[in-house]
Amino acid sequence: MGDQEEYLISYANLRSGLFTYQNNFLDENTLEKFYENQYMGVPICLPLGIKYFDYTKANFFTIKKKIFSIKIFETSKLNYIGNKKYFRYGNIFATNVKLKSKFYSKYKFYL
């Protein structure tokens, strides 16, 4: 499994209803709710450039790493492993993306 495949698996988990507070990749406004309510867990956001998704009609937003780190991981240390993993593709994220049709069978496998 490639590193980017994690996002395909997350997408399948989101769409299946596995998570209580999310059913799709988060947008900037919903991210604020996660900041205010830690019981909701770590938000699942889609970084720019993941090969499984079509970004043609996507809406993009930037996450401020320091704020995210403090609100979600309760640390201001940007070298914390959670931050490194979460932002390994950068801090630009997208909503309103579509799964590319050539990856639908792989998505169904994970679903």
Protein backbone atom coordinates (compact mmCIF):
# COMPACT_ATOMS: atom_id res chain seq x y z
CA MET A 1 0.00 0.00 0.00
CA GLY A 2 1.33 3.41 -0.97
CA ASP A 3 1.39 6.34 1.41
CA GLN A 4 -1.40 8.17 -0.45
CA GLU A 5 -3.66 5.14 -0.23
CA GLU A 6 -4.32 6.08 3.39
CA TYR A 7 -6.63 8.81 2.05
CA LEU A 8 -8.57 6.35 -0.10
CA ILE A 9 -9.07 4.15 2.95
CA SER A 10 -10.12 7.18 5.01
CA TYR A 11 -12.59 8.16 2.28
CA ALA A 12 -14.12 4.67 2.34
CA ASN A 13 -14.35 4.80 6.14
CA LEU A 14 -15.93 8.25 6.05
CA ARG A 15 -18.49 7.30 3.41
CA SER A 16 -19.41 4.09 5.26
CA GLY A 17 -20.43 6.02 8.37
CA LEU A 18 -17.63 4.67 10.53
CA PHE A 19 -17.00 8.07 12.10
CA THR A 20 -19.60 9.77 14.27
CA TYR A 21 -18.72 13.39 13.52
CA GLN A 22 -17.66 13.16 9.87
CA ASN A 23 -19.01 11.63 6.68
CA ASN A 24 -16.69 13.35 4.21
CA PHE A 25 -13.39 15.21 4.20
CA LEU A 26 -13.70 18.34 6.34
CA ASP A 27 -13.98 21.90 5.17
CA GLU A 28 -12.58 24.92 6.94
CA ASN A 29 -15.80 25.74 8.84
CA THR A 30 -16.29 22.23 10.17
CA LEU A 31 -12.64 22.14 11.19
CA GLU A 32 -13.43 24.98 13.60
CA LYS A 33 -16.01 22.73 15.30
CA PHE A 34 -13.29 20.12 15.85
CA TYR A 35 -11.10 22.82 17.37
CA GLU A 36 -13.86 23.74 19.81
CA ASN A 37 -14.87 20.15 20.67
CA GLN A 38 -11.92 17.87 21.33
CA TYR A 39 -14.19 14.90 21.96
CA MET A 40 -14.82 14.83 18.19
CA GLY A 41 -11.28 13.50 17.66
CA VAL A 42 -8.72 14.21 14.96
CA PRO A 43 -10.35 15.67 11.85
CA ILE A 44 -9.83 13.93 8.53
CA CYS A 45 -8.87 16.43 5.83
CA LEU A 46 -7.71 15.79 2.28
CA PRO A 47 -4.41 17.38 1.27
CA LEU A 48 -3.84 18.76 -2.18
CA GLY A 49 -2.41 16.37 -4.76
CA ILE A 50 -3.60 12.92 -3.66
CA LYS A 51 -3.74 10.86 -6.86
CA TYR A 52 -7.04 9.10 -6.11
CA PHE A 53 -9.13 12.27 -6.25
CA ASP A 54 -10.25 14.74 -8.91
CA TYR A 55 -9.76 18.30 -7.67
CA THR A 56 -11.43 20.01 -10.67
CA LYS A 57 -14.34 21.43 -8.64
CA ALA A 58 -12.58 21.46 -5.29
CA ASN A 59 -12.59 24.23 -2.74
CA PHE A 60 -9.23 24.76 -1.07
CA PHE A 61 -8.25 26.07 2.34
CA THR A 62 -5.09 26.42 4.36
CA ILE A 63 -4.64 25.04 7.85
CA LYS A 64 -2.35 26.97 10.16
CA LYS A 65 -0.05 24.31 11.54
CA LYS A 66 0.58 25.93 14.92
CA ILE A 67 -3.14 26.48 15.66
CA PHE A 68 -4.00 22.95 14.52
CA SER A 69 -1.22 21.52 16.67
CA ILE A 70 -2.37 23.34 19.78
CA LYS A 71 -6.10 22.65 19.27
CA ILE A 72 -5.89 19.02 18.13
CA PHE A 73 -2.65 17.60 19.53
CA GLU A 74 -2.34 19.96 22.53
CA THR A 75 1.24 20.85 21.72
CA SER A 76 2.92 23.84 20.14
CA LYS A 77 5.81 21.67 18.93
CA LEU A 78 5.60 21.48 15.15
CA ASN A 79 8.09 18.60 15.13
CA TYR A 80 5.58 16.42 17.03
CA ILE A 81 5.09 13.22 15.01
CA GLY A 82 1.33 13.82 14.64
CA ASN A 83 2.01 17.17 12.98
CA LYS A 84 4.67 15.73 10.73
CA LYS A 85 2.33 13.01 9.53
CA TYR A 86 -0.72 15.24 9.17
CA PHE A 87 1.12 17.90 7.17
CA ARG A 88 3.47 15.67 5.17
CA TYR A 89 1.80 16.84 1.93
CA GLY A 90 1.66 20.49 3.01
CA ASN A 91 -0.98 22.63 4.68
CA ILE A 92 -3.37 23.15 1.75
CA PHE A 93 -6.45 20.94 1.92
CA ALA A 94 -9.51 20.41 -0.26
CA THR A 95 -13.22 19.73 -0.08
CA ASN A 96 -15.74 19.00 -2.81
CA VAL A 97 -13.52 16.44 -4.52
CA LYS A 98 -14.55 13.38 -6.51
CA LEU A 99 -13.06 9.94 -6.46
CA LYS A 100 -11.45 9.22 -9.83
CA SER A 101 -13.43 6.49 -11.59
CA LYS A 102 -10.37 4.35 -12.29
CA PHE A 103 -9.97 3.89 -8.52
CA TYR A 104 -13.61 2.99 -7.80
CA SER A 105 -12.95 -0.78 -7.54
CA LYS A 106 -10.14 -0.15 -5.06
CA TYR A 107 -12.50 2.11 -3.06
CA LYS A 108 -15.16 -0.65 -3.05
CA PHE A 109 -12.54 -3.11 -1.79
CA TYR A 110 -11.87 -0.91 1.23
CA LEU A 111 -15.54 -0.13 1.71
